[in-house]
Amino acid sequence: MAHWVAGLTVLMGLACAWPALAVMPDEVLADPALEARARALSAELRCMVCQNQSIDDSNADLARDLRILLRERLTAGDSDPQVLDFMVARYGEFILLKPRVAPHTILLWATPAAVLAIGAVGVGVWWRRRQQLVGPAPELSDAERRKLAALGVEDRSVRWKLGRHSRH
């Protein structure tokens, strides 16, 4: 049993370290500040092979080529926006893991908010219709109140009407 747990622990550790293995040692820039910029930018770019991973996390050959190209642009003196613009010009908007807000992507950004608004309106309409169908609770007669008191049940409808919603 202990060997099984140890083996599972090693496998989980390797799985967690897998993305760190994507950037090869020969790709790492000598300047730590430039390398940090490269890592930040490559985390924003999509691997065109994997599509759900950044090029920083992907082991695909194309991701490696893109990481090298990105580092070449940085060492040539490009700013971060210039590097991203170069990559978008070359590979299209799809290369960005987080699409830019622009006139041609406004539908992409507005759809979640619109769906939430429509859902909220729908819940509101449903709630109002439900309240209209159910209506207010009928008043208890004095005889019904006496029966409840005899059973040891408190009439809470009076408390609700007075605005006291507590149970004490």
N, C-alpha and C. Protein backbone atom coordinates (compact mmCIF):
# COMPACT_ATOMS: atom_id res chain seq x y z
N MET A 1 0.83 -1.19 0.00
CA MET A 1 0.00 0.00 0.00
C MET A 1 0.87 1.26 0.00
N ALA A 2 1.94 1.27 0.77
CA ALA A 2 2.81 2.45 0.85
C ALA A 2 3.49 2.71 -0.48
N HIS A 3 3.86 1.64 -1.21
CA HIS A 3 4.49 1.81 -2.52
C HIS A 3 3.52 2.44 -3.52
N TRP A 4 2.25 2.04 -3.41
CA TRP A 4 1.22 2.57 -4.29
C TRP A 4 1.04 4.07 -4.05
N VAL A 5 0.98 4.47 -2.78
CA VAL A 5 0.82 5.88 -2.43
C VAL A 5 2.04 6.68 -2.88
N ALA A 6 3.24 6.12 -2.69
CA ALA A 6 4.46 6.82 -3.10
C ALA A 6 4.49 6.98 -4.62
N GLY A 7 4.10 5.96 -5.33
CA GLY A 7 4.06 6.03 -6.79
C GLY A 7 3.06 7.05 -7.28
N LEU A 8 1.89 7.09 -6.64
CA LEU A 8 0.87 8.07 -7.00
C LEU A 8 1.36 9.49 -6.71
N THR A 9 2.06 9.67 -5.62
CA THR A 9 2.60 10.98 -5.27
C THR A 9 3.60 11.45 -6.31
N VAL A 10 4.47 10.55 -6.76
CA VAL A 10 5.46 10.89 -7.78
C VAL A 10 4.76 11.25 -9.09
N LEU A 11 3.75 10.47 -9.47
CA LEU A 11 3.02 10.76 -10.70
C LEU A 11 2.30 12.11 -10.63
N MET A 12 1.73 12.42 -9.49
CA MET A 12 1.04 13.71 -9.34
C MET A 12 2.04 14.86 -9.40
N GLY A 13 3.20 14.66 -8.81
CA GLY A 13 4.24 15.68 -8.87
C GLY A 13 4.71 15.92 -10.29
N LEU A 14 4.86 14.85 -11.07
CA LEU A 14 5.25 14.99 -12.47
C LEU A 14 4.16 15.66 -13.28
N ALA A 15 2.91 15.34 -12.99
CA ALA A 15 1.80 15.97 -13.71
C ALA A 15 1.75 17.47 -13.43
N CYS A 16 2.03 17.86 -12.20
CA CYS A 16 2.04 19.29 -11.86
C CYS A 16 3.23 20.00 -12.51
N ALA A 17 4.33 19.30 -12.68
CA ALA A 17 5.52 19.90 -13.25
C ALA A 17 5.52 19.86 -14.78
N TRP A 18 4.59 19.17 -15.39
CA TRP A 18 4.56 19.01 -16.84
C TRP A 18 4.60 20.33 -17.59
N PRO A 19 3.76 21.34 -17.23
CA PRO A 19 3.84 22.61 -17.95
C PRO A 19 5.20 23.29 -17.82
N ALA A 20 5.86 23.09 -16.71
CA ALA A 20 7.17 23.72 -16.51
C ALA A 20 8.21 23.12 -17.45
N LEU A 21 7.97 21.91 -17.93
CA LEU A 21 8.91 21.26 -18.83
C LEU A 21 8.75 21.73 -20.28
N ALA A 22 7.70 22.51 -20.57
CA ALA A 22 7.44 22.92 -21.94
C ALA A 22 8.54 23.84 -22.48
N VAL A 23 8.99 24.81 -21.68
CA VAL A 23 10.04 25.71 -22.12
C VAL A 23 11.38 24.99 -21.92
N MET A 24 12.06 24.78 -23.03
CA MET A 24 13.33 24.05 -22.98
C MET A 24 14.47 24.97 -22.52
N PRO A 25 15.49 24.41 -21.90
CA PRO A 25 16.60 25.23 -21.42
C PRO A 25 17.27 26.06 -22.51
N ASP A 26 17.32 25.53 -23.72
CA ASP A 26 17.98 26.30 -24.79
C ASP A 26 17.13 27.48 -25.27
N GLU A 27 15.87 27.55 -24.85
CA GLU A 27 15.00 28.67 -25.21
C GLU A 27 15.13 29.83 -24.23
N VAL A 28 15.54 29.56 -23.01
CA VAL A 28 15.55 30.56 -21.94
C VAL A 28 16.56 31.66 -22.27
N LEU A 29 16.09 32.90 -22.13
CA LEU A 29 16.95 34.06 -22.39
C LEU A 29 17.88 34.31 -21.21
N ALA A 30 19.06 34.86 -21.49
CA ALA A 30 20.05 35.13 -20.44
C ALA A 30 19.60 36.26 -19.52
N ASP A 31 18.89 37.24 -20.07
CA ASP A 31 18.42 38.37 -19.28
C ASP A 31 17.14 37.96 -18.53
N PRO A 32 17.17 37.93 -17.18
CA PRO A 32 15.99 37.49 -16.42
C PRO A 32 14.75 38.37 -16.65
N ALA A 33 14.94 39.67 -16.84
CA ALA A 33 13.80 40.56 -17.06
C ALA A 33 13.15 40.25 -18.42
N LEU A 34 13.98 40.02 -19.42
CA LEU A 34 13.47 39.68 -20.75
C LEU A 34 12.78 38.32 -20.74
N GLU A 35 13.36 37.38 -19.99
CA GLU A 35 12.76 36.05 -19.88
C GLU A 35 11.41 36.12 -19.17
N ALA A 36 11.32 36.96 -18.15
CA ALA A 36 10.04 37.12 -17.45
C ALA A 36 8.98 37.70 -18.40
N ARG A 37 9.34 38.66 -19.21
CA ARG A 37 8.42 39.21 -20.22
C ARG A 37 8.02 38.13 -21.21
N ALA A 38 8.99 37.33 -21.63
CA ALA A 38 8.71 36.26 -22.60
C ALA A 38 7.73 35.25 -22.01
N ARG A 39 7.93 34.89 -20.75
CA ARG A 39 7.02 33.92 -20.11
C ARG A 39 5.62 34.51 -19.97
N ALA A 40 5.53 35.80 -19.60
CA ALA A 40 4.23 36.44 -19.46
C ALA A 40 3.50 36.50 -20.80
N LEU A 41 4.23 36.86 -21.85
CA LEU A 41 3.61 36.94 -23.19
C LEU A 41 3.22 35.57 -23.71
N SER A 42 4.08 34.59 -23.50
CA SER A 42 3.77 33.25 -24.03
C SER A 42 2.60 32.62 -23.28
N ALA A 43 2.31 33.10 -22.08
CA ALA A 43 1.13 32.61 -21.36
C ALA A 43 -0.16 33.17 -21.96
N GLU A 44 -0.05 34.24 -22.75
CA GLU A 44 -1.21 34.87 -23.38
C GLU A 44 -1.49 34.33 -24.77
N LEU A 45 -0.56 33.54 -25.32
CA LEU A 45 -0.71 33.06 -26.70
C LEU A 45 -1.13 31.60 -26.73
N ARG A 46 -2.05 31.30 -27.61
CA ARG A 46 -2.62 29.95 -27.73
C ARG A 46 -1.72 29.07 -28.60
N CYS A 47 -1.55 27.84 -28.16
CA CYS A 47 -0.88 26.85 -29.00
C CYS A 47 -1.86 26.47 -30.09
N MET A 48 -1.46 26.61 -31.33
CA MET A 48 -2.35 26.35 -32.45
C MET A 48 -2.61 24.84 -32.64
N VAL A 49 -1.79 24.01 -32.02
CA VAL A 49 -1.97 22.57 -32.10
C VAL A 49 -2.90 22.10 -30.98
N CYS A 50 -2.58 22.49 -29.74
CA CYS A 50 -3.35 22.06 -28.57
C CYS A 50 -4.65 22.85 -28.42
N GLN A 51 -4.63 24.11 -28.72
CA GLN A 51 -5.74 25.05 -28.72
C GLN A 51 -6.30 25.37 -27.33
N ASN A 52 -6.14 24.54 -26.35
CA ASN A 52 -6.61 24.86 -25.00
C ASN A 52 -5.44 25.16 -24.07
N GLN A 53 -4.26 25.23 -24.60
CA GLN A 53 -3.07 25.51 -23.82
C GLN A 53 -2.36 26.73 -24.38
N SER A 54 -1.62 27.38 -23.50
CA SER A 54 -0.78 28.47 -23.98
C SER A 54 0.48 27.86 -24.58
N ILE A 55 1.22 28.66 -25.34
CA ILE A 55 2.47 28.14 -25.90
C ILE A 55 3.50 27.93 -24.79
N ASP A 56 3.29 28.59 -23.65
CA ASP A 56 4.18 28.40 -22.51
C ASP A 56 4.00 27.01 -21.90
N ASP A 57 2.80 26.47 -21.98
CA ASP A 57 2.49 25.17 -21.38
C ASP A 57 2.59 24.00 -22.35
N SER A 58 2.62 24.28 -23.64
CA SER A 58 2.54 23.23 -24.65
C SER A 58 3.91 22.67 -25.02
N ASN A 59 3.94 21.37 -25.26
CA ASN A 59 5.15 20.69 -25.72
C ASN A 59 5.17 20.49 -27.23
N ALA A 60 4.17 21.01 -27.92
CA ALA A 60 4.09 20.83 -29.38
C ALA A 60 5.25 21.57 -30.06
N ASP A 61 5.68 21.03 -31.21
CA ASP A 61 6.79 21.65 -31.96
C ASP A 61 6.44 23.07 -32.40
N LEU A 62 5.19 23.28 -32.82
CA LEU A 62 4.78 24.62 -33.23
C LEU A 62 4.85 25.60 -32.05
N ALA A 63 4.46 25.15 -30.86
CA ALA A 63 4.54 26.01 -29.67
C ALA A 63 5.99 26.39 -29.40
N ARG A 64 6.89 25.45 -29.57
CA ARG A 64 8.32 25.74 -29.38
C ARG A 64 8.78 26.80 -30.40
N ASP A 65 8.37 26.64 -31.65
CA ASP A 65 8.73 27.62 -32.68
C ASP A 65 8.18 29.00 -32.34
N LEU A 66 6.96 29.04 -31.84
CA LEU A 66 6.35 30.32 -31.46
C LEU A 66 7.07 30.95 -30.27
N ARG A 67 7.48 30.12 -29.31
CA ARG A 67 8.24 30.64 -28.15
C ARG A 67 9.56 31.24 -28.61
N ILE A 68 10.23 30.55 -29.53
CA ILE A 68 11.51 31.05 -30.04
C ILE A 68 11.30 32.35 -30.82
N LEU A 69 10.25 32.39 -31.65
CA LEU A 69 9.95 33.61 -32.41
C LEU A 69 9.64 34.78 -31.46
N LEU A 70 8.88 34.51 -30.44
CA LEU A 70 8.54 35.53 -29.45
C LEU A 70 9.81 36.08 -28.79
N ARG A 71 10.72 35.20 -28.41
CA ARG A 71 11.96 35.62 -27.76
C ARG A 71 12.85 36.41 -28.74
N GLU A 72 12.84 36.01 -30.00
CA GLU A 72 13.60 36.77 -31.01
C GLU A 72 13.07 38.19 -31.14
N ARG A 73 11.75 38.34 -31.12
CA ARG A 73 11.15 39.68 -31.22
C ARG A 73 11.51 40.52 -30.00
N LEU A 74 11.52 39.90 -28.83
CA LEU A 74 11.86 40.64 -27.61
C LEU A 74 13.33 41.08 -27.62
N THR A 75 14.21 40.18 -28.04
CA THR A 75 15.64 40.55 -28.07
C THR A 75 15.92 41.58 -29.16
N ALA A 76 15.04 41.65 -30.18
CA ALA A 76 15.20 42.67 -31.22
C ALA A 76 14.74 44.04 -30.73
N GLY A 77 14.13 44.08 -29.54
CA GLY A 77 13.73 45.36 -28.97
C GLY A 77 12.25 45.68 -29.05
N ASP A 78 11.43 44.75 -29.51
CA ASP A 78 9.99 45.00 -29.58
C ASP A 78 9.39 45.12 -28.18
N SER A 79 8.38 45.97 -28.06
CA SER A 79 7.64 46.08 -26.80
C SER A 79 6.63 44.92 -26.74
N ASP A 80 6.03 44.73 -25.58
CA ASP A 80 5.05 43.65 -25.43
C ASP A 80 3.88 43.80 -26.41
N PRO A 81 3.28 45.00 -26.53
CA PRO A 81 2.19 45.14 -27.52
C PRO A 81 2.66 44.90 -28.95
N GLN A 82 3.89 45.29 -29.28
CA GLN A 82 4.40 45.06 -30.63
C GLN A 82 4.54 43.56 -30.90
N VAL A 83 5.00 42.83 -29.92
CA VAL A 83 5.13 41.37 -30.09
C VAL A 83 3.76 40.75 -30.31
N LEU A 84 2.78 41.14 -29.48
CA LEU A 84 1.43 40.58 -29.63
C LEU A 84 0.83 40.97 -30.97
N ASP A 85 1.02 42.22 -31.37
CA ASP A 85 0.51 42.66 -32.68
C ASP A 85 1.15 41.87 -33.82
N PHE A 86 2.45 41.61 -33.72
CA PHE A 86 3.15 40.83 -34.74
C PHE A 86 2.56 39.42 -34.84
N MET A 87 2.34 38.80 -33.67
CA MET A 87 1.80 37.43 -33.65
C MET A 87 0.37 37.40 -34.21
N VAL A 88 -0.42 38.40 -33.86
CA VAL A 88 -1.80 38.45 -34.37
C VAL A 88 -1.79 38.70 -35.87
N ALA A 89 -0.92 39.57 -36.34
CA ALA A 89 -0.84 39.84 -37.78
C ALA A 89 -0.43 38.58 -38.54
N ARG A 90 0.41 37.78 -37.94
CA ARG A 90 0.92 36.59 -38.62
C ARG A 90 -0.03 35.40 -38.52
N TYR A 91 -0.67 35.21 -37.33
CA TYR A 91 -1.47 34.00 -37.09
C TYR A 91 -2.95 34.26 -36.86
N GLY A 92 -3.35 35.52 -36.80
CA GLY A 92 -4.77 35.84 -36.59
C GLY A 92 -5.12 35.97 -35.11
N GLU A 93 -6.30 36.51 -34.86
CA GLU A 93 -6.77 36.75 -33.49
C GLU A 93 -6.88 35.46 -32.68
N PHE A 94 -7.04 34.34 -33.34
CA PHE A 94 -7.22 33.07 -32.64
C PHE A 94 -6.01 32.74 -31.77
N ILE A 95 -4.86 33.30 -32.07
CA ILE A 95 -3.66 32.99 -31.29
C ILE A 95 -3.74 33.56 -29.88
N LEU A 96 -4.59 34.54 -29.66
CA LEU A 96 -4.73 35.14 -28.33
C LEU A 96 -5.66 34.28 -27.48
N LEU A 97 -5.19 33.89 -26.31
CA LEU A 97 -6.05 33.12 -25.41
C LEU A 97 -7.20 33.99 -24.89
N LYS A 98 -6.94 35.27 -24.69
CA LYS A 98 -7.98 36.21 -24.26
C LYS A 98 -8.17 37.22 -25.39
N PRO A 99 -9.23 37.07 -26.17
CA PRO A 99 -9.43 37.96 -27.32
C PRO A 99 -9.53 39.43 -26.89
N ARG A 100 -9.10 40.30 -27.78
CA ARG A 100 -9.17 41.74 -27.52
C ARG A 100 -10.60 42.23 -27.66
N VAL A 101 -10.93 43.29 -26.91
CA VAL A 101 -12.23 43.93 -27.07
C VAL A 101 -12.11 44.89 -28.25
N ALA A 102 -12.83 44.57 -29.30
CA ALA A 102 -12.80 45.36 -30.54
C ALA A 102 -14.18 45.26 -31.18
N PRO A 103 -14.45 46.12 -32.16
CA PRO A 103 -15.77 46.07 -32.80
C PRO A 103 -16.13 44.67 -33.34
N HIS A 104 -15.16 43.96 -33.88
CA HIS A 104 -15.48 42.64 -34.44
C HIS A 104 -15.55 41.53 -33.39
N THR A 105 -15.18 41.82 -32.13
CA THR A 105 -15.29 40.82 -31.06
C THR A 105 -16.31 41.23 -30.00
N ILE A 106 -17.05 42.31 -30.24
CA ILE A 106 -17.98 42.81 -29.23
C ILE A 106 -19.07 41.78 -28.92
N LEU A 107 -19.51 41.04 -29.92
CA LEU A 107 -20.52 40.01 -29.69
C LEU A 107 -19.99 38.93 -28.74
N LEU A 108 -18.74 38.58 -28.91
CA LEU A 108 -18.10 37.59 -28.04
C LEU A 108 -18.11 38.06 -26.59
N TRP A 109 -17.83 39.34 -26.36
CA TRP A 109 -17.76 39.88 -25.01
C TRP A 109 -19.14 40.20 -24.45
N ALA A 110 -20.10 40.59 -25.29
CA ALA A 110 -21.41 41.01 -24.82
C ALA A 110 -22.36 39.84 -24.58
N THR A 111 -22.15 38.72 -25.22
CA THR A 111 -23.07 37.59 -25.11
C THR A 111 -23.25 37.10 -23.67
N PRO A 112 -22.19 36.89 -22.89
CA PRO A 112 -22.42 36.42 -21.50
C PRO A 112 -23.26 37.40 -20.68
N ALA A 113 -23.00 38.69 -20.82
CA ALA A 113 -23.78 39.68 -20.08
C ALA A 113 -25.24 39.68 -20.54
N ALA A 114 -25.46 39.56 -21.84
CA ALA A 114 -26.81 39.52 -22.38
C ALA A 114 -27.56 38.28 -21.89
N VAL A 115 -26.89 37.14 -21.86
CA VAL A 115 -27.53 35.90 -21.39
C VAL A 115 -27.90 36.04 -19.90
N LEU A 116 -27.01 36.63 -19.09
CA LEU A 116 -27.32 36.84 -17.68
C LEU A 116 -28.50 37.80 -17.51
N ALA A 117 -28.53 38.87 -18.29
CA ALA A 117 -29.63 39.83 -18.20
C ALA A 117 -30.96 39.18 -18.60
N ILE A 118 -30.94 38.41 -19.68
CA ILE A 118 -32.16 37.72 -20.12
C ILE A 118 -32.60 36.72 -19.06
N GLY A 119 -31.67 36.02 -18.47
CA GLY A 119 -32.00 35.08 -17.40
C GLY A 119 -32.59 35.77 -16.19
N ALA A 120 -32.03 36.92 -15.81
CA ALA A 120 -32.54 37.67 -14.66
C ALA A 120 -33.96 38.16 -14.94
N VAL A 121 -34.20 38.66 -16.14
CA VAL A 121 -35.56 39.10 -16.51
C VAL A 121 -36.51 37.91 -16.48
N GLY A 122 -36.06 36.78 -17.00
CA GLY A 122 -36.91 35.58 -16.99
C GLY A 122 -37.26 35.13 -15.59
N VAL A 123 -36.30 35.15 -14.69
CA VAL A 123 -36.57 34.77 -13.29
C VAL A 123 -37.52 35.78 -12.66
N GLY A 124 -37.33 37.07 -12.96
CA GLY A 124 -38.23 38.08 -12.43
C GLY A 124 -39.66 37.89 -12.89
N VAL A 125 -39.83 37.63 -14.19
CA VAL A 125 -41.18 37.39 -14.74
C VAL A 125 -41.79 36.15 -14.11
N TRP A 126 -41.01 35.10 -13.99
CA TRP A 126 -41.51 33.86 -13.37
C TRP A 126 -41.93 34.12 -11.94
N TRP A 127 -41.13 34.87 -11.19
CA TRP A 127 -41.43 35.13 -9.78
C TRP A 127 -42.72 35.95 -9.64
N ARG A 128 -42.88 36.97 -10.49
CA ARG A 128 -44.11 37.79 -10.42
C ARG A 128 -45.34 36.96 -10.77
N ARG A 129 -45.24 36.12 -11.79
CA ARG A 129 -46.38 35.28 -12.17
C ARG A 129 -46.71 34.29 -11.06
N ARG A 130 -45.67 33.76 -10.46
CA ARG A 130 -45.87 32.80 -9.36
C ARG A 130 -46.59 33.48 -8.20
N GLN A 131 -46.18 34.70 -7.85
CA GLN A 131 -46.81 35.43 -6.76
C GLN A 131 -48.26 35.75 -7.09
N GLN A 132 -48.54 36.06 -8.36
CA GLN A 132 -49.91 36.38 -8.76
C GLN A 132 -50.79 35.14 -8.73
N LEU A 133 -50.24 33.99 -9.13
CA LEU A 133 -51.02 32.75 -9.12
C LEU A 133 -51.30 32.27 -7.70
N VAL A 134 -50.29 32.35 -6.86
CA VAL A 134 -50.43 31.85 -5.49
C VAL A 134 -51.26 32.83 -4.67
N GLY A 135 -50.96 34.12 -4.79
CA GLY A 135 -51.68 35.14 -4.04
C GLY A 135 -51.33 35.10 -2.57
N PRO A 136 -51.89 36.00 -1.83
CA PRO A 136 -51.59 36.04 -0.40
C PRO A 136 -52.23 34.85 0.33
N ALA A 137 -51.66 34.48 1.42
CA ALA A 137 -52.20 33.36 2.21
C ALA A 137 -53.52 33.80 2.84
N PRO A 138 -54.50 32.91 2.88
CA PRO A 138 -55.78 33.28 3.48
C PRO A 138 -55.64 33.50 4.98
N GLU A 139 -56.48 34.37 5.51
CA GLU A 139 -56.47 34.66 6.94
C GLU A 139 -57.03 33.46 7.70
N LEU A 140 -56.47 33.22 8.88
CA LEU A 140 -57.00 32.17 9.75
C LEU A 140 -58.18 32.72 10.53
N SER A 141 -59.14 31.86 10.69
CA SER A 141 -60.28 32.26 11.52
C SER A 141 -59.89 32.11 12.99
N ASP A 142 -60.70 32.68 13.86
CA ASP A 142 -60.43 32.56 15.30
C ASP A 142 -60.47 31.10 15.74
N ALA A 143 -61.36 30.32 15.15
CA ALA A 143 -61.48 28.91 15.51
C ALA A 143 -60.21 28.15 15.11
N GLU A 144 -59.67 28.48 13.92
CA GLU A 144 -58.44 27.83 13.46
C GLU A 144 -57.26 28.21 14.35
N ARG A 145 -57.24 29.47 14.78
CA ARG A 145 -56.16 29.90 15.68
C ARG A 145 -56.23 29.18 17.02
N ARG A 146 -57.45 28.99 17.53
CA ARG A 146 -57.61 28.27 18.82
C ARG A 146 -57.15 26.82 18.67
N LYS A 147 -57.48 26.19 17.53
CA LYS A 147 -57.05 24.81 17.30
C LYS A 147 -55.53 24.71 17.25
N LEU A 148 -54.88 25.68 16.57
CA LEU A 148 -53.42 25.69 16.51
C LEU A 148 -52.82 25.89 17.89
N ALA A 149 -53.41 26.77 18.67
CA ALA A 149 -52.90 27.02 20.02
C ALA A 149 -53.06 25.78 20.87
N ALA A 150 -54.17 25.05 20.70
CA ALA A 150 -54.38 23.81 21.47
C ALA A 150 -53.34 22.75 21.10
N LEU A 151 -52.90 22.77 19.84
CA LEU A 151 -51.88 21.82 19.39
C LEU A 151 -50.48 22.27 19.77
N GLY A 152 -50.33 23.50 20.23
CA GLY A 152 -49.02 24.02 20.60
C GLY A 152 -48.27 24.63 19.42
N VAL A 153 -49.00 24.95 18.36
CA VAL A 153 -48.39 25.54 17.16
C VAL A 153 -48.67 27.04 17.19
N GLU A 154 -47.63 27.81 16.97
CA GLU A 154 -47.76 29.26 16.98
C GLU A 154 -48.21 29.75 15.60
N ASP A 155 -49.08 30.73 15.57
CA ASP A 155 -49.53 31.34 14.32
C ASP A 155 -48.49 32.37 13.89
N ARG A 156 -47.74 32.06 12.86
CA ARG A 156 -46.66 32.94 12.42
C ARG A 156 -47.13 33.99 11.42
N SER A 157 -48.34 33.86 10.92
CA SER A 157 -48.81 34.81 9.91
C SER A 157 -48.90 36.22 10.48
N VAL A 158 -49.21 36.35 11.76
CA VAL A 158 -49.30 37.67 12.39
C VAL A 158 -47.91 38.30 12.43
N ARG A 159 -46.91 37.52 12.80
CA ARG A 159 -45.54 38.03 12.87
C ARG A 159 -45.05 38.50 11.52
N TRP A 160 -45.36 37.75 10.44
CA TRP A 160 -44.93 38.14 9.10
C TRP A 160 -45.58 39.45 8.68
N LYS A 161 -46.82 39.63 9.03
CA LYS A 161 -47.51 40.85 8.64
C LYS A 161 -46.96 42.06 9.38
N LEU A 162 -46.47 41.86 10.58
CA LEU A 162 -45.92 42.96 11.37
C LEU A 162 -44.47 43.24 11.01
N GLY A 163 -43.90 42.42 10.13
CA GLY A 163 -42.51 42.66 9.70
C GLY A 163 -41.49 42.00 10.59
N ARG A 164 -41.92 41.15 11.50
CA ARG A 164 -40.97 40.43 12.36
C ARG A 164 -40.80 39.02 11.79
N HIS A 165 -39.67 38.81 11.13
CA HIS A 165 -39.47 37.54 10.43
C HIS A 165 -38.67 36.54 11.26
N SER A 166 -38.32 36.87 12.45
CA SER A 166 -37.49 35.95 13.24
C SER A 166 -38.35 34.82 13.79
N ARG A 167 -37.71 33.78 14.24
CA ARG A 167 -38.43 32.60 14.74
C ARG A 167 -38.57 32.63 16.25
N HIS A 168 -38.13 33.63 16.93
CA HIS A 168 -38.22 33.63 18.39
C HIS A 168 -39.42 34.36 18.88
